[in-house]
Amino acid sequence: MTPEQIEEKQRKAAEARARAERLAKQASEAARKADTKRKLLAGAYLFHEIENGRGGRWSSIDDLVKGLDGFLSRKADRAVYGLPPIEDEKQPSSEQEPAAPAEPRRRHAPVDLDGSTTPGGGASRP
């Protein structure tokens, strides 16, 4: 095999890898968008049910926001519902012993619209 043929095969292999990476990125983005849309629709349904007196454990939007207070941790997410940001632990002064590291916030398992948790933490819908 000539050096030119080797270079051509290497170029084609690099192009194939780049194509595969683009397709994987597109598939990941599509899955993320579908997950976001599912969550948006589920939230719209929940708001509709609450507004029509069928909110189950949430009899009002205020009850839902109280529940979200313990769930949301990002400042921007909390601001959407008018919740104050969670204060960071204050830095210990050099005179005090360092504070024990805070336990990480527990993430909630994904929940399907029927209320069941999804095994493995992923979306169960195609």
N, C-alpha and C. Protein backbone atom coordinates (compact mmCIF):
# COMPACT_ATOMS: atom_id res chain seq x y z
N MET A 1 0.85 -1.17 0.00
CA MET A 1 0.00 0.00 0.00
C MET A 1 0.90 1.24 0.00
N THR A 2 0.55 2.19 -0.82
CA THR A 2 1.36 3.40 -0.95
C THR A 2 1.04 4.37 0.20
N PRO A 3 1.94 5.29 0.47
CA PRO A 3 1.68 6.29 1.51
C PRO A 3 0.41 7.11 1.22
N GLU A 4 0.14 7.38 -0.05
CA GLU A 4 -1.07 8.13 -0.40
C GLU A 4 -2.33 7.34 -0.05
N GLN A 5 -2.30 6.03 -0.29
CA GLN A 5 -3.45 5.18 0.02
C GLN A 5 -3.68 5.12 1.55
N ILE A 6 -2.59 5.05 2.28
CA ILE A 6 -2.68 5.03 3.74
C ILE A 6 -3.29 6.35 4.24
N GLU A 7 -2.81 7.46 3.70
CA GLU A 7 -3.34 8.77 4.09
C GLU A 7 -4.84 8.87 3.77
N GLU A 8 -5.23 8.36 2.60
CA GLU A 8 -6.64 8.40 2.20
C GLU A 8 -7.50 7.58 3.17
N LYS A 9 -7.03 6.41 3.56
CA LYS A 9 -7.77 5.57 4.51
C LYS A 9 -7.85 6.24 5.88
N GLN A 10 -6.78 6.88 6.31
CA GLN A 10 -6.78 7.60 7.58
C GLN A 10 -7.75 8.77 7.54
N ARG A 11 -7.79 9.48 6.41
CA ARG A 11 -8.71 10.61 6.26
C ARG A 11 -10.16 10.13 6.32
N LYS A 12 -10.45 9.04 5.62
CA LYS A 12 -11.81 8.50 5.62
C LYS A 12 -12.21 8.01 7.02
N ALA A 13 -11.27 7.41 7.74
CA ALA A 13 -11.54 6.95 9.10
C ALA A 13 -11.83 8.13 10.02
N ALA A 14 -11.07 9.21 9.86
CA ALA A 14 -11.29 10.41 10.67
C ALA A 14 -12.65 11.02 10.35
N GLU A 15 -13.03 11.04 9.08
CA GLU A 15 -14.33 11.56 8.69
C GLU A 15 -15.46 10.71 9.29
N ALA A 16 -15.27 9.40 9.28
CA ALA A 16 -16.29 8.50 9.84
C ALA A 16 -16.42 8.72 11.35
N ARG A 17 -15.30 8.90 12.04
CA ARG A 17 -15.35 9.17 13.48
C ARG A 17 -16.07 10.49 13.76
N ALA A 18 -15.78 11.51 12.97
CA ALA A 18 -16.42 12.82 13.15
C ALA A 18 -17.93 12.71 12.89
N ARG A 19 -18.32 11.95 11.87
CA ARG A 19 -19.74 11.74 11.58
C ARG A 19 -20.43 11.03 12.74
N ALA A 20 -19.77 10.00 13.28
CA ALA A 20 -20.33 9.24 14.40
C ALA A 20 -20.49 10.14 15.64
N GLU A 21 -19.50 10.99 15.89
CA GLU A 21 -19.59 11.92 17.03
C GLU A 21 -20.73 12.91 16.85
N ARG A 22 -20.91 13.42 15.60
CA ARG A 22 -22.02 14.35 15.33
C ARG A 22 -23.36 13.67 15.57
N LEU A 23 -23.50 12.43 15.09
CA LEU A 23 -24.75 11.69 15.27
C LEU A 23 -25.03 11.41 16.75
N ALA A 24 -23.99 11.07 17.49
CA ALA A 24 -24.17 10.80 18.92
C ALA A 24 -24.59 12.09 19.64
N LYS A 25 -24.00 13.21 19.27
CA LYS A 25 -24.36 14.50 19.88
C LYS A 25 -25.80 14.86 19.54
N GLN A 26 -26.20 14.65 18.30
CA GLN A 26 -27.58 14.94 17.89
C GLN A 26 -28.57 14.06 18.66
N ALA A 27 -28.24 12.79 18.83
CA ALA A 27 -29.12 11.88 19.56
C ALA A 27 -29.23 12.30 21.02
N SER A 28 -28.12 12.72 21.61
CA SER A 28 -28.13 13.18 23.00
C SER A 28 -28.97 14.44 23.15
N GLU A 29 -28.82 15.38 22.22
CA GLU A 29 -29.60 16.62 22.27
C GLU A 29 -31.08 16.33 22.09
N ALA A 30 -31.43 15.40 21.21
CA ALA A 30 -32.83 15.06 20.99
C ALA A 30 -33.43 14.42 22.24
N ALA A 31 -32.67 13.57 22.91
CA ALA A 31 -33.14 12.93 24.14
C ALA A 31 -33.34 13.98 25.23
N ARG A 32 -32.42 14.94 25.33
CA ARG A 32 -32.53 16.00 26.34
C ARG A 32 -33.75 16.86 26.06
N LYS A 33 -33.97 17.21 24.80
CA LYS A 33 -35.14 18.02 24.44
C LYS A 33 -36.44 17.27 24.74
N ALA A 34 -36.48 15.98 24.45
CA ALA A 34 -37.68 15.19 24.72
C ALA A 34 -37.94 15.11 26.22
N ASP A 35 -36.89 14.96 27.01
CA ASP A 35 -37.03 14.91 28.47
C ASP A 35 -37.56 16.25 28.99
N THR A 36 -37.02 17.35 28.47
CA THR A 36 -37.48 18.67 28.88
C THR A 36 -38.95 18.86 28.52
N LYS A 37 -39.34 18.43 27.33
CA LYS A 37 -40.74 18.59 26.91
C LYS A 37 -41.66 17.75 27.80
N ARG A 38 -41.26 16.52 28.14
CA ARG A 38 -42.06 15.68 29.04
C ARG A 38 -42.28 16.38 30.38
N LYS A 39 -41.21 16.96 30.92
CA LYS A 39 -41.31 17.64 32.21
C LYS A 39 -42.20 18.88 32.10
N LEU A 40 -42.07 19.62 31.02
CA LEU A 40 -42.89 20.80 30.83
C LEU A 40 -44.37 20.41 30.74
N LEU A 41 -44.67 19.39 29.98
CA LEU A 41 -46.06 18.95 29.83
C LEU A 41 -46.62 18.41 31.14
N ALA A 42 -45.81 17.67 31.87
CA ALA A 42 -46.26 17.14 33.17
C ALA A 42 -46.54 18.30 34.13
N GLY A 43 -45.69 19.32 34.11
CA GLY A 43 -45.91 20.49 34.96
C GLY A 43 -47.17 21.24 34.57
N ALA A 44 -47.41 21.38 33.26
CA ALA A 44 -48.63 22.05 32.80
C ALA A 44 -49.87 21.27 33.25
N TYR A 45 -49.78 19.94 33.16
CA TYR A 45 -50.89 19.10 33.61
C TYR A 45 -51.11 19.27 35.12
N LEU A 46 -50.04 19.27 35.89
CA LEU A 46 -50.15 19.42 37.34
C LEU A 46 -50.79 20.77 37.69
N PHE A 47 -50.35 21.84 37.05
CA PHE A 47 -50.94 23.15 37.30
C PHE A 47 -52.43 23.14 36.94
N HIS A 48 -52.78 22.52 35.82
CA HIS A 48 -54.18 22.43 35.40
C HIS A 48 -55.01 21.70 36.47
N GLU A 49 -54.49 20.59 36.96
CA GLU A 49 -55.21 19.81 37.97
C GLU A 49 -55.38 20.62 39.27
N ILE A 50 -54.34 21.30 39.69
CA ILE A 50 -54.42 22.12 40.92
C ILE A 50 -55.45 23.22 40.74
N GLU A 51 -55.39 23.91 39.60
CA GLU A 51 -56.32 25.02 39.35
C GLU A 51 -57.77 24.55 39.29
N ASN A 52 -57.98 23.27 38.96
CA ASN A 52 -59.34 22.73 38.87
C ASN A 52 -59.71 21.89 40.10
N GLY A 53 -58.94 22.05 41.18
CA GLY A 53 -59.27 21.39 42.44
C GLY A 53 -58.99 19.91 42.48
N ARG A 54 -58.14 19.42 41.57
CA ARG A 54 -57.83 17.98 41.54
C ARG A 54 -56.32 17.76 41.71
N GLY A 55 -55.70 18.57 42.54
CA GLY A 55 -54.25 18.51 42.66
C GLY A 55 -53.73 17.46 43.61
N GLY A 56 -54.59 16.60 44.14
CA GLY A 56 -54.11 15.56 45.05
C GLY A 56 -53.53 16.16 46.30
N ARG A 57 -52.29 15.86 46.57
CA ARG A 57 -51.67 16.35 47.80
C ARG A 57 -51.42 17.85 47.78
N TRP A 58 -51.51 18.46 46.60
CA TRP A 58 -51.35 19.91 46.49
C TRP A 58 -52.72 20.52 46.22
N SER A 59 -53.28 21.15 47.22
CA SER A 59 -54.61 21.74 47.03
C SER A 59 -54.53 23.14 46.43
N SER A 60 -53.33 23.70 46.40
CA SER A 60 -53.15 25.03 45.80
C SER A 60 -51.73 25.14 45.25
N ILE A 61 -51.55 26.16 44.44
CA ILE A 61 -50.21 26.42 43.89
C ILE A 61 -49.24 26.71 45.04
N ASP A 62 -49.72 27.38 46.10
CA ASP A 62 -48.86 27.66 47.26
C ASP A 62 -48.34 26.37 47.88
N ASP A 63 -49.19 25.33 47.95
CA ASP A 63 -48.74 24.03 48.48
C ASP A 63 -47.65 23.44 47.60
N LEU A 64 -47.81 23.57 46.29
CA LEU A 64 -46.80 23.06 45.36
C LEU A 64 -45.49 23.81 45.54
N VAL A 65 -45.57 25.12 45.67
CA VAL A 65 -44.35 25.94 45.83
C VAL A 65 -43.65 25.57 47.14
N LYS A 66 -44.42 25.30 48.20
CA LYS A 66 -43.81 24.87 49.46
C LYS A 66 -43.04 23.57 49.26
N GLY A 67 -43.61 22.66 48.48
CA GLY A 67 -42.91 21.41 48.17
C GLY A 67 -41.66 21.64 47.35
N LEU A 68 -41.76 22.56 46.40
CA LEU A 68 -40.60 22.87 45.55
C LEU A 68 -39.48 23.51 46.35
N ASP A 69 -39.82 24.20 47.45
CA ASP A 69 -38.81 24.85 48.28
C ASP A 69 -37.77 23.84 48.77
N GLY A 70 -38.20 22.64 49.09
CA GLY A 70 -37.26 21.63 49.55
C GLY A 70 -36.60 20.85 48.43
N PHE A 71 -37.07 21.05 47.21
CA PHE A 71 -36.57 20.29 46.06
C PHE A 71 -35.59 21.08 45.20
N LEU A 72 -35.91 22.35 44.95
CA LEU A 72 -35.09 23.16 44.06
C LEU A 72 -33.86 23.68 44.78
N SER A 73 -32.71 23.61 44.13
CA SER A 73 -31.48 24.09 44.77
C SER A 73 -30.80 25.20 43.96
N ARG A 74 -30.99 25.23 42.65
CA ARG A 74 -30.35 26.26 41.83
C ARG A 74 -31.03 27.61 42.03
N LYS A 75 -30.24 28.64 42.16
CA LYS A 75 -30.75 30.00 42.39
C LYS A 75 -31.76 30.40 41.32
N ALA A 76 -31.44 30.17 40.05
CA ALA A 76 -32.33 30.57 38.96
C ALA A 76 -33.66 29.80 39.01
N ASP A 77 -33.60 28.51 39.35
CA ASP A 77 -34.83 27.71 39.45
C ASP A 77 -35.70 28.20 40.59
N ARG A 78 -35.08 28.50 41.72
CA ARG A 78 -35.83 28.98 42.88
C ARG A 78 -36.47 30.34 42.59
N ALA A 79 -35.77 31.18 41.83
CA ALA A 79 -36.27 32.52 41.52
C ALA A 79 -37.55 32.44 40.68
N VAL A 80 -37.69 31.42 39.85
CA VAL A 80 -38.90 31.26 39.03
C VAL A 80 -40.15 31.23 39.90
N TYR A 81 -40.03 30.63 41.08
CA TYR A 81 -41.17 30.50 41.99
C TYR A 81 -41.12 31.50 43.14
N GLY A 82 -40.24 32.49 43.04
CA GLY A 82 -40.14 33.51 44.07
C GLY A 82 -39.55 33.01 45.37
N LEU A 83 -38.77 31.94 45.30
CA LEU A 83 -38.13 31.39 46.50
C LEU A 83 -36.76 32.03 46.67
N PRO A 84 -36.37 32.30 47.92
CA PRO A 84 -35.04 32.90 48.14
C PRO A 84 -33.95 31.87 47.84
N PRO A 85 -32.78 32.35 47.44
CA PRO A 85 -31.67 31.42 47.20
C PRO A 85 -31.26 30.72 48.49
N ILE A 86 -30.74 29.53 48.35
CA ILE A 86 -30.22 28.80 49.51
C ILE A 86 -28.87 29.40 49.83
N GLU A 87 -28.69 29.81 51.07
CA GLU A 87 -27.43 30.43 51.46
C GLU A 87 -26.34 29.37 51.54
N ASP A 88 -25.17 29.73 51.03
CA ASP A 88 -24.02 28.85 51.15
C ASP A 88 -23.54 28.88 52.59
N GLU A 89 -22.93 27.76 53.00
CA GLU A 89 -22.38 27.76 54.35
C GLU A 89 -21.28 28.80 54.42
N LYS A 90 -21.22 29.51 55.52
CA LYS A 90 -20.20 30.53 55.69
C LYS A 90 -18.83 29.87 55.85
N GLN A 91 -17.84 30.52 55.32
CA GLN A 91 -16.49 30.02 55.41
C GLN A 91 -16.02 30.10 56.86
N PRO A 92 -15.45 29.02 57.41
CA PRO A 92 -14.96 29.08 58.79
C PRO A 92 -13.75 30.02 58.88
N SER A 93 -13.69 30.74 59.98
CA SER A 93 -12.53 31.62 60.17
C SER A 93 -11.34 30.76 60.56
N SER A 94 -10.15 31.33 60.48
CA SER A 94 -8.94 30.56 60.77
C SER A 94 -8.86 30.21 62.26
N GLU A 95 -9.64 30.89 63.12
CA GLU A 95 -9.62 30.59 64.55
C GLU A 95 -10.47 29.38 64.90
N GLN A 96 -11.43 29.06 64.05
CA GLN A 96 -12.34 27.95 64.33
C GLN A 96 -11.86 26.70 63.60
N GLU A 97 -12.37 25.55 64.10
CA GLU A 97 -12.09 24.32 63.38
C GLU A 97 -12.87 24.34 62.08
N PRO A 98 -12.33 23.75 61.03
CA PRO A 98 -13.08 23.73 59.77
C PRO A 98 -14.40 22.97 59.95
N ALA A 99 -15.41 23.47 59.32
CA ALA A 99 -16.72 22.81 59.41
C ALA A 99 -16.68 21.51 58.63
N ALA A 100 -17.48 20.56 59.09
CA ALA A 100 -17.59 19.28 58.38
C ALA A 100 -18.20 19.54 57.01
N PRO A 101 -17.77 18.80 56.01
CA PRO A 101 -18.34 19.03 54.68
C PRO A 101 -19.84 18.74 54.69
N ALA A 102 -20.57 19.57 53.97
CA ALA A 102 -22.02 19.39 53.90
C ALA A 102 -22.34 18.13 53.10
N GLU A 103 -23.40 17.46 53.50
CA GLU A 103 -23.81 16.29 52.73
C GLU A 103 -24.38 16.76 51.41
N PRO A 104 -24.11 16.02 50.35
CA PRO A 104 -24.65 16.44 49.05
C PRO A 104 -26.17 16.34 49.07
N ARG A 105 -26.82 17.23 48.32
CA ARG A 105 -28.28 17.19 48.22
C ARG A 105 -28.68 15.91 47.52
N ARG A 106 -29.70 15.28 48.05
CA ARG A 106 -30.18 14.05 47.47
C ARG A 106 -31.04 14.38 46.25
N ARG A 107 -30.73 13.75 45.15
CA ARG A 107 -31.52 13.94 43.93
C ARG A 107 -32.71 13.00 44.00
N HIS A 108 -33.82 13.46 43.53
CA HIS A 108 -35.02 12.66 43.52
C HIS A 108 -35.01 11.76 42.29
N ALA A 109 -35.54 10.54 42.46
CA ALA A 109 -35.64 9.63 41.34
C ALA A 109 -36.65 10.18 40.35
N PRO A 110 -36.41 10.00 39.04
CA PRO A 110 -37.38 10.44 38.06
C PRO A 110 -38.72 9.74 38.31
N VAL A 111 -39.80 10.45 38.10
CA VAL A 111 -41.12 9.90 38.35
C VAL A 111 -41.94 10.03 37.08
N ASP A 112 -42.57 8.93 36.66
CA ASP A 112 -43.44 8.96 35.50
C ASP A 112 -44.76 9.60 35.90
N LEU A 113 -45.58 9.92 34.92
CA LEU A 113 -46.85 10.59 35.19
C LEU A 113 -47.76 9.75 36.07
N ASP A 114 -47.60 8.42 36.08
CA ASP A 114 -48.44 7.59 36.93
C ASP A 114 -47.93 7.56 38.37
N GLY A 115 -46.83 8.28 38.66
CA GLY A 115 -46.30 8.38 40.01
C GLY A 115 -45.24 7.35 40.33
N SER A 116 -44.98 6.40 39.45
CA SER A 116 -43.98 5.39 39.73
C SER A 116 -42.59 5.94 39.41
N THR A 117 -41.61 5.47 40.17
CA THR A 117 -40.24 5.89 39.87
C THR A 117 -39.70 5.04 38.76
N THR A 118 -38.78 5.60 38.01
CA THR A 118 -38.21 4.91 36.85
C THR A 118 -36.95 4.19 37.30
N PRO A 119 -36.87 2.85 37.12
CA PRO A 119 -35.66 2.12 37.51
C PRO A 119 -34.45 2.63 36.77
N GLY A 120 -33.34 2.71 37.45
CA GLY A 120 -32.09 3.09 36.81
C GLY A 120 -31.93 4.59 36.61
N GLY A 121 -32.91 5.36 37.00
CA GLY A 121 -32.79 6.82 36.93
C GLY A 121 -32.97 7.41 35.55
N GLY A 122 -33.33 6.61 34.55
CA GLY A 122 -33.50 7.17 33.22
C GLY A 122 -34.96 7.28 32.86
N ALA A 123 -35.22 7.92 31.76
CA ALA A 123 -36.60 8.04 31.29
C ALA A 123 -37.08 6.71 30.77
N SER A 124 -38.34 6.39 31.06
CA SER A 124 -38.85 5.10 30.63
C SER A 124 -39.65 5.20 29.34
N ARG A 125 -39.89 6.40 28.86
CA ARG A 125 -40.68 6.57 27.66
C ARG A 125 -39.74 6.55 26.46
N PRO A 126 -40.21 6.01 25.33
CA PRO A 126 -39.35 5.95 24.14
C PRO A 126 -39.12 7.30 23.55
